[in-house]
Amino acid sequence: MSSFPETRLRRLRRTGALRSLVRETKLDRSDFVYPLFVGPSSQANDELPALGRFSVDDLSREAEELLGLGLSAVILFGIPEEKDDEGSGAYAADGIVQRALKGLRERYPDLVLITDVCLCEYTSHGHCGVIENGEVANDATLELLGRTAVSHVEAGADVVAPSDMMDGRVGALREALDEAGFEETAIISYAAKYASAFYGPFREAAESTPAFGDRRGYQMDPANVREALRECELDVAESADALIIKPALPNLDVIRAVRESFDLPVAAYNVSGEYAMVKAAAAAGHLDERAAALESLTAIKRAGADLVFSYWTKDLARWL
């Protein structure tokens, strides 16, 4: 390689058109999934607009707008009217997500409908599984997660995404779906979901803060990356169709490690706390939201994510 002055790397940075021409990582609407919260009634969130919730009727209008912006995929989270110890609203045939799915499937057949499969939004205690002897019972939870996944697909879901971090949940969902005749339904597993400090705004929006203790006994220790690869390996063996790393920005190294280790599609969840930090800094005049968001999303893609779940997805569609 020749050196300066023969080599001048700035030559291709001189104009915006040149920079775009040689850009290595590019953002595309088709790579993004927009999280949507559905509940008994609509509720705006002025500080964090993407964390507002929609009624079933209003959700349909939101979906129409998203399709008009060129977006093609959403993930649904439900906030039920009532909660109980076993999170029965998660798998009820007339549950909030099930009703939303039926409405969206009928009106928007081309919209990819992904559902979060977990019990935390539906349990009175806020944990991701049933409680036995003061602990989250792994094996007892699996059957309920399977019922939840089947009920979502019966209502119109294209993809189910288990986020509970119970051991064996991907295999349990695959078995339940296959037995119900849904062999073609994909599972995108939250394979490496860390016990993160960045989930706060989501837990407020989804009303899923644990009533006691925390989730460190089942979500991953943020210090571990080799363990994340083991989690991914197990999920692949249990027939996961794609893998999610969550949160995204604190775990770019994990995204890269998973990308280099597995051939499955890799997704990253750009979580509520990441979104909220940039929103707050922009509101205080410390940075430009659009520039910071685009840089953050580009970094996630550059690390190796094929798909990105992000609260900026709707804004991104307008920016692009």
C-alpha atoms as a PDB file:
ATOM      1  CA  MET A   1       0.000   0.000   0.000  1.00  0.00           C
ATOM      2  CA  SER A   2       1.365   3.347  -0.966  1.00  0.00           C
ATOM      3  CA  SER A   3       1.484   6.091   1.620  1.00  0.00           C
ATOM      4  CA  PHE A   4       0.756   9.802   1.705  1.00  0.00           C
ATOM      5  CA  PRO A   5       0.796  11.824  -0.496  1.00  0.00           C
ATOM      6  CA  GLU A   6      -0.069   9.145  -3.111  1.00  0.00           C
ATOM      7  CA  THR A   7      -2.779   7.704  -0.835  1.00  0.00           C
ATOM      8  CA  ARG A   8      -5.365  10.288   0.215  1.00  0.00           C
ATOM      9  CA  LEU A   9      -8.376   8.664   1.866  1.00  0.00           C
ATOM     10  CA  ARG A  10     -10.153  12.007   2.043  1.00  0.00           C
ATOM     11  CA  ARG A  11     -10.746  11.935  -1.724  1.00  0.00           C
ATOM     12  CA  LEU A  12     -13.911   9.863  -1.279  1.00  0.00           C
ATOM     13  CA  ARG A  13     -15.146  11.956   1.661  1.00  0.00           C
ATOM     14  CA  ARG A  14     -15.188  15.230  -0.260  1.00  0.00           C
ATOM     15  CA  THR A  15     -18.939  15.416  -0.974  1.00  0.00           C
ATOM     16  CA  GLY A  16     -22.107  13.894   0.371  1.00  0.00           C
ATOM     17  CA  ALA A  17     -22.714  12.048  -2.900  1.00  0.00           C
ATOM     18  CA  LEU A  18     -19.242  10.482  -2.806  1.00  0.00           C
ATOM     19  CA  ARG A  19     -19.625   9.477   0.836  1.00  0.00           C
ATOM     20  CA  SER A  20     -22.967   7.836   0.077  1.00  0.00           C
ATOM     21  CA  LEU A  21     -21.517   6.022  -2.931  1.00  0.00           C
ATOM     22  CA  VAL A  22     -18.853   4.205  -0.883  1.00  0.00           C
ATOM     23  CA  ARG A  23     -20.775   3.858   2.383  1.00  0.00           C
ATOM     24  CA  GLU A  24     -20.200   0.378   3.822  1.00  0.00           C
ATOM     25  CA  THR A  25     -23.254   0.169   6.090  1.00  0.00           C
ATOM     26  CA  LYS A  26     -26.622   1.418   4.901  1.00  0.00           C
ATOM     27  CA  LEU A  27     -29.987   1.613   6.648  1.00  0.00           C
ATOM     28  CA  ASP A  28     -33.102   0.369   4.922  1.00  0.00           C
ATOM     29  CA  ARG A  29     -36.725   0.418   6.066  1.00  0.00           C
ATOM     30  CA  SER A  30     -37.021  -3.307   5.418  1.00  0.00           C
ATOM     31  CA  ASP A  31     -34.398  -4.021   8.102  1.00  0.00           C
ATOM     32  CA  PHE A  32     -36.423  -2.483  10.939  1.00  0.00           C
ATOM     33  CA  VAL A  33     -39.214  -3.667  13.228  1.00  0.00           C
ATOM     34  CA  TYR A  34     -41.416  -1.171  15.080  1.00  0.00           C
ATOM     35  CA  PRO A  35     -42.584  -2.034  18.628  1.00  0.00           C
ATOM     36  CA  LEU A  36     -46.251  -1.292  19.317  1.00  0.00           C
ATOM     37  CA  PHE A  37     -48.100  -1.346  22.653  1.00  0.00           C
ATOM     38  CA  VAL A  38     -51.781  -2.233  22.647  1.00  0.00           C
ATOM     39  CA  GLY A  39     -54.065  -1.813  25.656  1.00  0.00           C
ATOM     40  CA  PRO A  40     -57.691  -1.211  26.651  1.00  0.00           C
ATOM     41  CA  SER A  41     -57.424   2.454  25.622  1.00  0.00           C
ATOM     42  CA  SER A  42     -54.992   4.723  23.820  1.00  0.00           C
ATOM     43  CA  GLN A  43     -52.532   6.667  25.942  1.00  0.00           C
ATOM     44  CA  ALA A  44     -50.049   9.158  24.508  1.00  0.00           C
ATOM     45  CA  ASN A  45     -46.496   9.555  25.768  1.00  0.00           C
ATOM     46  CA  ASP A  46     -45.385  13.121  25.032  1.00  0.00           C
ATOM     47  CA  GLU A  47     -41.750  12.644  26.084  1.00  0.00           C
ATOM     48  CA  LEU A  48     -41.289   9.238  24.434  1.00  0.00           C
ATOM     49  CA  PRO A  49     -43.875   9.088  21.624  1.00  0.00           C
ATOM     50  CA  ALA A  50     -43.001   5.574  20.466  1.00  0.00           C
ATOM     51  CA  LEU A  51     -43.775   4.257  23.945  1.00  0.00           C
ATOM     52  CA  GLY A  52     -47.399   5.362  23.873  1.00  0.00           C
ATOM     53  CA  ARG A  53     -50.100   2.732  23.706  1.00  0.00           C
ATOM     54  CA  PHE A  54     -52.980   2.159  21.315  1.00  0.00           C
ATOM     55  CA  SER A  55     -56.447   0.732  21.646  1.00  0.00           C
ATOM     56  CA  VAL A  56     -57.276  -2.056  19.200  1.00  0.00           C
ATOM     57  CA  ASP A  57     -59.106   0.402  16.934  1.00  0.00           C
ATOM     58  CA  ASP A  58     -56.371   3.032  17.035  1.00  0.00           C
ATOM     59  CA  LEU A  59     -53.717   0.377  16.443  1.00  0.00           C
ATOM     60  CA  SER A  60     -55.271  -0.383  13.084  1.00  0.00           C
ATOM     61  CA  ARG A  61     -54.971   3.255  12.041  1.00  0.00           C
ATOM     62  CA  GLU A  62     -51.345   3.312  13.211  1.00  0.00           C
ATOM     63  CA  ALA A  63     -50.588   0.215  11.128  1.00  0.00           C
ATOM     64  CA  GLU A  64     -52.028   1.888   8.051  1.00  0.00           C
ATOM     65  CA  GLU A  65     -49.722   4.864   8.600  1.00  0.00           C
ATOM     66  CA  LEU A  66     -46.701   2.602   9.045  1.00  0.00           C
ATOM     67  CA  LEU A  67     -47.409   0.783   5.795  1.00  0.00           C
ATOM     68  CA  GLY A  68     -47.752   4.140   4.090  1.00  0.00           C
ATOM     69  CA  LEU A  69     -44.236   4.985   5.276  1.00  0.00           C
ATOM     70  CA  GLY A  70     -42.862   1.834   3.684  1.00  0.00           C
ATOM     71  CA  LEU A  71     -42.488  -0.176   6.885  1.00  0.00           C
ATOM     72  CA  SER A  72     -43.312  -3.857   6.825  1.00  0.00           C
ATOM     73  CA  ALA A  73     -42.954  -5.358  10.317  1.00  0.00           C
ATOM     74  CA  VAL A  74     -44.146  -4.688  13.868  1.00  0.00           C
ATOM     75  CA  ILE A  75     -43.822  -6.460  17.202  1.00  0.00           C
ATOM     76  CA  LEU A  76     -46.802  -6.317  19.549  1.00  0.00           C
ATOM     77  CA  PHE A  77     -46.816  -5.983  23.344  1.00  0.00           C
ATOM     78  CA  GLY A  78     -50.058  -6.199  25.295  1.00  0.00           C
ATOM     79  CA  ILE A  79     -51.266  -4.418  28.424  1.00  0.00           C
ATOM     80  CA  PRO A  80     -54.342  -6.300  29.724  1.00  0.00           C
ATOM     81  CA  GLU A  81     -57.187  -4.859  31.754  1.00  0.00           C
ATOM     82  CA  GLU A  82     -56.584  -7.383  34.545  1.00  0.00           C
ATOM     83  CA  LYS A  83     -53.602  -9.408  35.723  1.00  0.00           C
ATOM     84  CA  ASP A  84     -53.263 -12.582  37.776  1.00  0.00           C
ATOM     85  CA  ASP A  85     -50.528 -14.787  39.216  1.00  0.00           C
ATOM     86  CA  GLU A  86     -50.290 -17.012  36.127  1.00  0.00           C
ATOM     87  CA  GLY A  87     -50.591 -14.280  33.486  1.00  0.00           C
ATOM     88  CA  SER A  88     -53.664 -15.886  31.946  1.00  0.00           C
ATOM     89  CA  GLY A  89     -54.310 -12.822  29.791  1.00  0.00           C
ATOM     90  CA  ALA A  90     -51.246 -13.774  27.754  1.00  0.00           C
ATOM     91  CA  TYR A  91     -52.873 -16.902  26.330  1.00  0.00           C
ATOM     92  CA  ALA A  92     -56.584 -16.035  26.493  1.00  0.00           C
ATOM     93  CA  ALA A  93     -58.338 -16.405  23.144  1.00  0.00           C
ATOM     94  CA  ASP A  94     -59.877 -12.946  23.612  1.00  0.00           C
ATOM     95  CA  GLY A  95     -56.732 -11.380  25.088  1.00  0.00           C
ATOM     96  CA  ILE A  96     -55.643  -7.899  24.095  1.00  0.00           C
ATOM     97  CA  VAL A  97     -52.886  -9.046  21.710  1.00  0.00           C
ATOM     98  CA  GLN A  98     -55.096 -11.747  20.218  1.00  0.00           C
ATOM     99  CA  ARG A  99     -57.816  -9.190  19.434  1.00  0.00           C
ATOM    100  CA  ALA A 100     -55.251  -6.815  17.965  1.00  0.00           C
ATOM    101  CA  LEU A 101     -53.805  -9.569  15.783  1.00  0.00           C
ATOM    102  CA  LYS A 102     -57.187 -10.541  14.385  1.00  0.00           C
ATOM    103  CA  GLY A 103     -57.948  -6.949  13.435  1.00  0.00           C
ATOM    104  CA  LEU A 104     -54.568  -6.314  11.845  1.00  0.00           C
ATOM    105  CA  ARG A 105     -54.424  -9.634  10.003  1.00  0.00           C
ATOM    106  CA  GLU A 106     -57.779  -9.061   8.371  1.00  0.00           C
ATOM    107  CA  ARG A 107     -57.055  -5.506   7.249  1.00  0.00           C
ATOM    108  CA  TYR A 108     -53.326  -5.639   6.486  1.00  0.00           C
ATOM    109  CA  PRO A 109     -52.377  -9.073   5.143  1.00  0.00           C
ATOM    110  CA  ASP A 110     -48.917  -7.918   4.016  1.00  0.00           C
ATOM    111  CA  LEU A 111     -47.838  -6.549   7.401  1.00  0.00           C
ATOM    112  CA  VAL A 112     -45.427  -8.888   9.224  1.00  0.00           C
ATOM    113  CA  LEU A 113     -46.905  -9.437  12.684  1.00  0.00           C
ATOM    114  CA  ILE A 114     -44.423 -10.489  15.365  1.00  0.00           C
ATOM    115  CA  THR A 115     -45.502 -11.009  18.955  1.00  0.00           C
ATOM    116  CA  ASP A 116     -43.532 -10.850  22.153  1.00  0.00           C
ATOM    117  CA  VAL A 117     -44.136 -14.124  24.020  1.00  0.00           C
ATOM    118  CA  CYS A 118     -43.707 -13.545  27.738  1.00  0.00           C
ATOM    119  CA  LEU A 119     -45.861 -13.386  30.859  1.00  0.00           C
ATOM    120  CA  CYS A 120     -44.406 -10.287  32.541  1.00  0.00           C
ATOM    121  CA  GLU A 121     -47.021  -7.864  31.191  1.00  0.00           C
ATOM    122  CA  TYR A 122     -49.817 -10.180  32.359  1.00  0.00           C
ATOM    123  CA  THR A 123     -48.713 -11.386  35.808  1.00  0.00           C
ATOM    124  CA  SER A 124     -49.773  -9.553  38.941  1.00  0.00           C
ATOM    125  CA  HIS A 125     -46.204  -9.866  40.257  1.00  0.00           C
ATOM    126  CA  GLY A 126     -44.520  -8.650  37.063  1.00  0.00           C
ATOM    127  CA  HIS A 127     -42.178 -11.598  36.605  1.00  0.00           C
ATOM    128  CA  CYS A 128     -41.758 -13.520  33.355  1.00  0.00           C
ATOM    129  CA  GLY A 129     -43.025 -16.821  34.726  1.00  0.00           C
ATOM    130  CA  VAL A 130     -45.168 -18.431  37.397  1.00  0.00           C
ATOM    131  CA  ILE A 131     -43.958 -18.253  40.987  1.00  0.00           C
ATOM    132  CA  GLU A 132     -43.347 -21.347  43.107  1.00  0.00           C
ATOM    133  CA  ASN A 133     -41.825 -21.091  46.597  1.00  0.00           C
ATOM    134  CA  GLY A 134     -40.880 -17.480  45.971  1.00  0.00           C
ATOM    135  CA  GLU A 135     -38.946 -18.269  42.762  1.00  0.00           C
ATOM    136  CA  VAL A 136     -39.760 -18.118  39.053  1.00  0.00           C
ATOM    137  CA  ALA A 137     -40.465 -21.744  38.130  1.00  0.00           C
ATOM    138  CA  ASN A 138     -38.763 -22.501  34.834  1.00  0.00           C
ATOM    139  CA  ASP A 139     -40.465 -25.735  33.764  1.00  0.00           C
ATOM    140  CA  ALA A 140     -43.948 -24.784  34.939  1.00  0.00           C
ATOM    141  CA  THR A 141     -43.678 -21.610  32.848  1.00  0.00           C
ATOM    142  CA  LEU A 142     -42.856 -23.411  29.601  1.00  0.00           C
ATOM    143  CA  GLU A 143     -46.333 -24.855  29.129  1.00  0.00           C
ATOM    144  CA  LEU A 144     -47.919 -21.407  29.519  1.00  0.00           C
ATOM    145  CA  LEU A 145     -45.484 -19.881  27.052  1.00  0.00           C
ATOM    146  CA  GLY A 146     -46.384 -22.588  24.548  1.00  0.00           C
ATOM    147  CA  ARG A 147     -50.083 -21.848  25.002  1.00  0.00           C
ATOM    148  CA  THR A 148     -49.379 -18.146  24.512  1.00  0.00           C
ATOM    149  CA  ALA A 149     -47.471 -18.717  21.276  1.00  0.00           C
ATOM    150  CA  VAL A 150     -50.187 -20.974  19.853  1.00  0.00           C
ATOM    151  CA  SER A 151     -52.913 -18.463  20.734  1.00  0.00           C
ATOM    152  CA  HIS A 152     -50.967 -15.705  18.970  1.00  0.00           C
ATOM    153  CA  VAL A 153     -50.558 -17.719  15.789  1.00  0.00           C
ATOM    154  CA  GLU A 154     -54.205 -18.776  15.827  1.00  0.00           C
ATOM    155  CA  ALA A 155     -55.071 -15.063  15.951  1.00  0.00           C
ATOM    156  CA  GLY A 156     -52.819 -14.191  12.996  1.00  0.00           C
ATOM    157  CA  ALA A 157     -49.191 -13.808  14.106  1.00  0.00           C
ATOM    158  CA  ASP A 158     -46.522 -14.582  11.514  1.00  0.00           C
ATOM    159  CA  VAL A 159     -43.672 -14.882  14.007  1.00  0.00           C
ATOM    160  CA  VAL A 160     -43.416 -15.432  17.770  1.00  0.00           C
ATOM    161  CA  ALA A 161     -40.538 -14.026  19.799  1.00  0.00           C
ATOM    162  CA  PRO A 162     -40.029 -15.531  23.283  1.00  0.00           C
ATOM    163  CA  SER A 163     -38.370 -12.984  25.588  1.00  0.00           C
ATOM    164  CA  ASP A 164     -38.771 -14.706  28.976  1.00  0.00           C
ATOM    165  CA  MET A 165     -35.283 -16.318  29.135  1.00  0.00           C
ATOM    166  CA  MET A 166     -36.541 -19.594  30.584  1.00  0.00           C
ATOM    167  CA  ASP A 167     -34.300 -22.551  29.765  1.00  0.00           C
ATOM    168  CA  GLY A 168     -35.796 -24.731  27.028  1.00  0.00           C
ATOM    169  CA  ARG A 169     -38.442 -22.226  25.919  1.00  0.00           C
ATOM    170  CA  VAL A 170     -37.584 -22.341  22.201  1.00  0.00           C
ATOM    171  CA  GLY A 171     -37.939 -26.119  22.127  1.00  0.00           C
ATOM    172  CA  ALA A 172     -41.171 -25.911  24.114  1.00  0.00           C
ATOM    173  CA  LEU A 173     -42.623 -23.349  21.697  1.00  0.00           C
ATOM    174  CA  ARG A 174     -41.523 -25.340  18.660  1.00  0.00           C
ATOM    175  CA  GLU A 175     -43.184 -28.453  20.027  1.00  0.00           C
ATOM    176  CA  ALA A 176     -46.403 -26.619  20.931  1.00  0.00           C
ATOM    177  CA  LEU A 177     -46.619 -24.904  17.545  1.00  0.00           C
ATOM    178  CA  ASP A 178     -45.915 -28.102  15.618  1.00  0.00           C
ATOM    179  CA  GLU A 179     -48.529 -30.045  17.580  1.00  0.00           C
ATOM    180  CA  ALA A 180     -51.067 -27.324  16.773  1.00  0.00           C
ATOM    181  CA  GLY A 181     -50.288 -27.560  13.059  1.00  0.00           C
ATOM    182  CA  PHE A 182     -48.136 -24.431  12.828  1.00  0.00           C
ATOM    183  CA  GLU A 183     -44.903 -25.994  11.573  1.00  0.00           C
ATOM    184  CA  GLU A 184     -44.322 -23.036   9.248  1.00  0.00           C
ATOM    185  CA  THR A 185     -44.424 -20.378  11.981  1.00  0.00           C
ATOM    186  CA  ALA A 186     -41.015 -18.873  12.695  1.00  0.00           C
ATOM    187  CA  ILE A 187     -39.492 -18.338  16.134  1.00  0.00           C
ATOM    188  CA  ILE A 188     -37.226 -15.342  16.647  1.00  0.00           C
ATOM    189  CA  SER A 189     -35.649 -15.961  20.019  1.00  0.00           C
ATOM    190  CA  TYR A 190     -34.442 -13.315  22.439  1.00  0.00           C
ATOM    191  CA  ALA A 191     -31.404 -15.555  22.718  1.00  0.00           C
ATOM    192  CA  ALA A 192     -29.172 -13.184  24.691  1.00  0.00           C
ATOM    193  CA  LYS A 193     -31.349 -10.909  26.780  1.00  0.00           C
ATOM    194  CA  TYR A 194     -29.379  -9.186  29.491  1.00  0.00           C
ATOM    195  CA  ALA A 195     -30.621  -8.037  32.895  1.00  0.00           C
ATOM    196  CA  SER A 196     -30.134  -4.435  31.855  1.00  0.00           C
ATOM    197  CA  ALA A 197     -30.595  -1.017  33.417  1.00  0.00           C
ATOM    198  CA  PHE A 198     -31.850   0.240  30.038  1.00  0.00           C
ATOM    199  CA  TYR A 199     -35.360  -1.280  30.229  1.00  0.00           C
ATOM    200  CA  GLY A 200     -36.887   1.302  32.565  1.00  0.00           C
ATOM    201  CA  PRO A 201     -39.130   3.236  30.141  1.00  0.00           C
ATOM    202  CA  PHE A 202     -40.429  -0.012  28.624  1.00  0.00           C
ATOM    203  CA  ARG A 203     -41.416  -1.383  32.034  1.00  0.00           C
ATOM    204  CA  GLU A 204     -43.361   1.788  32.734  1.00  0.00           C
ATOM    205  CA  ALA A 205     -45.092   1.635  29.350  1.00  0.00           C
ATOM    206  CA  ALA A 206     -45.879  -2.068  29.649  1.00  0.00           C
ATOM    207  CA  GLU A 207     -46.662  -1.901  33.378  1.00  0.00           C
ATOM    208  CA  SER A 208     -44.336  -4.858  33.940  1.00  0.00           C
ATOM    209  CA  THR A 209     -41.994  -3.789  36.751  1.00  0.00           C
ATOM    210  CA  PRO A 210     -41.499  -6.741  39.144  1.00  0.00           C
ATOM    211  CA  ALA A 211     -43.416  -6.381  42.397  1.00  0.00           C
ATOM    212  CA  PHE A 212     -40.521  -7.996  44.257  1.00  0.00           C
ATOM    213  CA  GLY A 213     -36.912  -8.867  43.525  1.00  0.00           C
ATOM    214  CA  ASP A 214     -35.529  -8.525  40.013  1.00  0.00           C
ATOM    215  CA  ARG A 215     -34.945 -10.596  36.878  1.00  0.00           C
ATOM    216  CA  ARG A 216     -31.260 -11.342  37.324  1.00  0.00           C
ATOM    217  CA  GLY A 217     -32.018 -14.964  38.160  1.00  0.00           C
ATOM    218  CA  TYR A 218     -33.151 -15.619  34.584  1.00  0.00           C
ATOM    219  CA  GLN A 219     -31.951 -12.755  32.404  1.00  0.00           C
ATOM    220  CA  MET A 220     -28.242 -12.701  31.593  1.00  0.00           C
ATOM    221  CA  ASP A 221     -25.403 -11.049  33.498  1.00  0.00           C
ATOM    222  CA  PRO A 222     -24.221  -8.053  31.389  1.00  0.00           C
ATOM    223  CA  ALA A 223     -20.609  -9.076  32.078  1.00  0.00           C
ATOM    224  CA  ASN A 224     -20.848 -12.301  30.041  1.00  0.00           C
ATOM    225  CA  VAL A 225     -20.348 -12.852  26.325  1.00  0.00           C
ATOM    226  CA  ARG A 226     -19.308 -16.530  26.206  1.00  0.00           C
ATOM    227  CA  GLU A 227     -22.546 -17.346  28.009  1.00  0.00           C
ATOM    228  CA  ALA A 228     -24.440 -15.442  25.321  1.00  0.00           C
ATOM    229  CA  LEU A 229     -22.918 -17.711  22.682  1.00  0.00           C
ATOM    230  CA  ARG A 230     -23.982 -20.761  24.692  1.00  0.00           C
ATOM    231  CA  GLU A 231     -27.528 -19.385  24.900  1.00  0.00           C
ATOM    232  CA  CYS A 232     -27.550 -18.869  21.143  1.00  0.00           C
ATOM    233  CA  GLU A 233     -26.160 -22.332  20.500  1.00  0.00           C
ATOM    234  CA  LEU A 234     -28.888 -23.930  22.599  1.00  0.00           C
ATOM    235  CA  ASP A 235     -31.616 -21.911  20.898  1.00  0.00           C
ATOM    236  CA  VAL A 236     -30.310 -22.880  17.472  1.00  0.00           C
ATOM    237  CA  ALA A 237     -30.341 -26.535  18.549  1.00  0.00           C
ATOM    238  CA  GLU A 238     -33.965 -26.081  19.675  1.00  0.00           C
ATOM    239  CA  SER A 239     -34.910 -24.772  16.190  1.00  0.00           C
ATOM    240  CA  ALA A 240     -34.821 -21.004  16.594  1.00  0.00           C
ATOM    241  CA  ASP A 241     -35.100 -19.343  13.179  1.00  0.00           C
ATOM    242  CA  ALA A 242     -33.357 -16.095  14.181  1.00  0.00           C
ATOM    243  CA  LEU A 243     -31.608 -14.690  17.265  1.00  0.00           C
ATOM    244  CA  ILE A 244     -32.098 -11.397  19.116  1.00  0.00           C
ATOM    245  CA  ILE A 245     -29.505  -9.593  21.238  1.00  0.00           C
ATOM    246  CA  LYS A 246     -30.955  -7.158  23.779  1.00  0.00           C
ATOM    247  CA  PRO A 247     -30.053  -4.373  24.559  1.00  0.00           C
ATOM    248  CA  ALA A 248     -28.211  -3.375  21.396  1.00  0.00           C
ATOM    249  CA  LEU A 249     -25.820  -0.484  22.039  1.00  0.00           C
ATOM    250  CA  PRO A 250     -24.189  -1.783  25.253  1.00  0.00           C
ATOM    251  CA  ASN A 251     -23.696  -5.138  23.523  1.00  0.00           C
ATOM    252  CA  LEU A 252     -22.243  -4.352  20.105  1.00  0.00           C
ATOM    253  CA  ASP A 253     -19.436  -6.796  20.841  1.00  0.00           C
ATOM    254  CA  VAL A 254     -22.012  -9.512  21.550  1.00  0.00           C
ATOM    255  CA  ILE A 255     -23.808  -8.785  18.265  1.00  0.00           C
ATOM    256  CA  ARG A 256     -20.488  -9.126  16.432  1.00  0.00           C
ATOM    257  CA  ALA A 257     -19.600 -12.359  18.248  1.00  0.00           C
ATOM    258  CA  VAL A 258     -23.007 -13.890  17.467  1.00  0.00           C
ATOM    259  CA  ARG A 259     -22.813 -12.751  13.828  1.00  0.00           C
ATOM    260  CA  GLU A 260     -19.424 -14.430  13.428  1.00  0.00           C
ATOM    261  CA  SER A 261     -20.534 -17.645  15.155  1.00  0.00           C
ATOM    262  CA  PHE A 262     -23.940 -18.374  13.577  1.00  0.00           C
ATOM    263  CA  ASP A 263     -25.446 -18.280  10.097  1.00  0.00           C
ATOM    264  CA  LEU A 264     -28.985 -17.491  11.288  1.00  0.00           C
ATOM    265  CA  PRO A 265     -30.379 -13.985  10.903  1.00  0.00           C
ATOM    266  CA  VAL A 266     -29.247 -11.849  13.841  1.00  0.00           C
ATOM    267  CA  ALA A 267     -31.460  -9.137  15.275  1.00  0.00           C
ATOM    268  CA  ALA A 268     -30.729  -6.498  17.888  1.00  0.00           C
ATOM    269  CA  TYR A 269     -33.220  -4.672  20.089  1.00  0.00           C
ATOM    270  CA  ASN A 270     -32.449  -0.962  20.403  1.00  0.00           C
ATOM    271  CA  VAL A 271     -34.255  -0.654  23.733  1.00  0.00           C
ATOM    272  CA  SER A 272     -36.322   2.026  25.433  1.00  0.00           C
ATOM    273  CA  GLY A 273     -33.522   3.338  27.637  1.00  0.00           C
ATOM    274  CA  GLU A 274     -31.271   3.911  24.642  1.00  0.00           C
ATOM    275  CA  TYR A 275     -34.101   5.783  22.936  1.00  0.00           C
ATOM    276  CA  ALA A 276     -34.906   7.777  26.072  1.00  0.00           C
ATOM    277  CA  MET A 277     -31.304   8.881  26.646  1.00  0.00           C
ATOM    278  CA  VAL A 278     -31.017  10.434  23.205  1.00  0.00           C
ATOM    279  CA  LYS A 279     -34.487  11.986  23.508  1.00  0.00           C
ATOM    280  CA  ALA A 280     -33.569  13.576  26.849  1.00  0.00           C
ATOM    281  CA  ALA A 281     -30.206  14.840  25.616  1.00  0.00           C
ATOM    282  CA  ALA A 282     -31.825  16.303  22.504  1.00  0.00           C
ATOM    283  CA  ALA A 283     -34.546  17.980  24.572  1.00  0.00           C
ATOM    284  CA  ALA A 284     -31.821  19.567  26.707  1.00  0.00           C
ATOM    285  CA  GLY A 285     -30.037  20.845  23.613  1.00  0.00           C
ATOM    286  CA  HIS A 286     -26.973  18.649  24.069  1.00  0.00           C
ATOM    287  CA  LEU A 287     -27.181  16.833  20.723  1.00  0.00           C
ATOM    288  CA  ASP A 288     -29.170  16.475  17.521  1.00  0.00           C
ATOM    289  CA  GLU A 289     -31.672  13.610  17.862  1.00  0.00           C
ATOM    290  CA  ARG A 290     -31.768  12.646  14.202  1.00  0.00           C
ATOM    291  CA  ALA A 291     -27.979  12.574  13.825  1.00  0.00           C
ATOM    292  CA  ALA A 292     -27.491  10.653  17.076  1.00  0.00           C
ATOM    293  CA  ALA A 293     -30.228   8.149  16.241  1.00  0.00           C
ATOM    294  CA  LEU A 294     -28.889   7.495  12.753  1.00  0.00           C
ATOM    295  CA  GLU A 295     -25.364   7.052  14.099  1.00  0.00           C
ATOM    296  CA  SER A 296     -26.606   4.649  16.775  1.00  0.00           C
ATOM    297  CA  LEU A 297     -28.652   2.568  14.340  1.00  0.00           C
ATOM    298  CA  THR A 298     -25.781   2.468  11.868  1.00  0.00           C
ATOM    299  CA  ALA A 299     -23.471   1.193  14.619  1.00  0.00           C
ATOM    300  CA  ILE A 300     -25.917  -1.612  15.416  1.00  0.00           C
ATOM    301  CA  LYS A 301     -26.078  -2.621  11.769  1.00  0.00           C
ATOM    302  CA  ARG A 302     -22.307  -2.303  11.392  1.00  0.00           C
ATOM    303  CA  ALA A 303     -21.805  -4.644  14.351  1.00  0.00           C
ATOM    304  CA  GLY A 304     -23.619  -7.340  12.385  1.00  0.00           C
ATOM    305  CA  ALA A 305     -27.362  -7.064  12.990  1.00  0.00           C
ATOM    306  CA  ASP A 306     -29.539  -8.038  10.038  1.00  0.00           C
ATOM    307  CA  LEU A 307     -32.691  -6.738  11.741  1.00  0.00           C
ATOM    308  CA  VAL A 308     -33.142  -3.961  14.272  1.00  0.00           C
ATOM    309  CA  PHE A 309     -36.077  -3.567  16.647  1.00  0.00           C
ATOM    310  CA  SER A 310     -36.158   0.156  17.395  1.00  0.00           C
ATOM    311  CA  TYR A 311     -38.453   2.879  18.712  1.00  0.00           C
ATOM    312  CA  TRP A 312     -36.949   5.152  16.043  1.00  0.00           C
ATOM    313  CA  THR A 313     -38.285   2.968  13.231  1.00  0.00           C
ATOM    314  CA  LYS A 314     -41.178   5.281  12.370  1.00  0.00           C
ATOM    315  CA  ASP A 315     -38.946   8.364  12.468  1.00  0.00           C
ATOM    316  CA  LEU A 316     -36.307   6.523  10.479  1.00  0.00           C
ATOM    317  CA  ALA A 317     -38.813   5.793   7.714  1.00  0.00           C
ATOM    318  CA  ARG A 318     -39.395   9.546   7.345  1.00  0.00           C
ATOM    319  CA  TRP A 319     -35.700  10.398   7.531  1.00  0.00           C
ATOM    320  CA  LEU A 320     -34.804   7.906   4.823  1.00  0.00           C
END
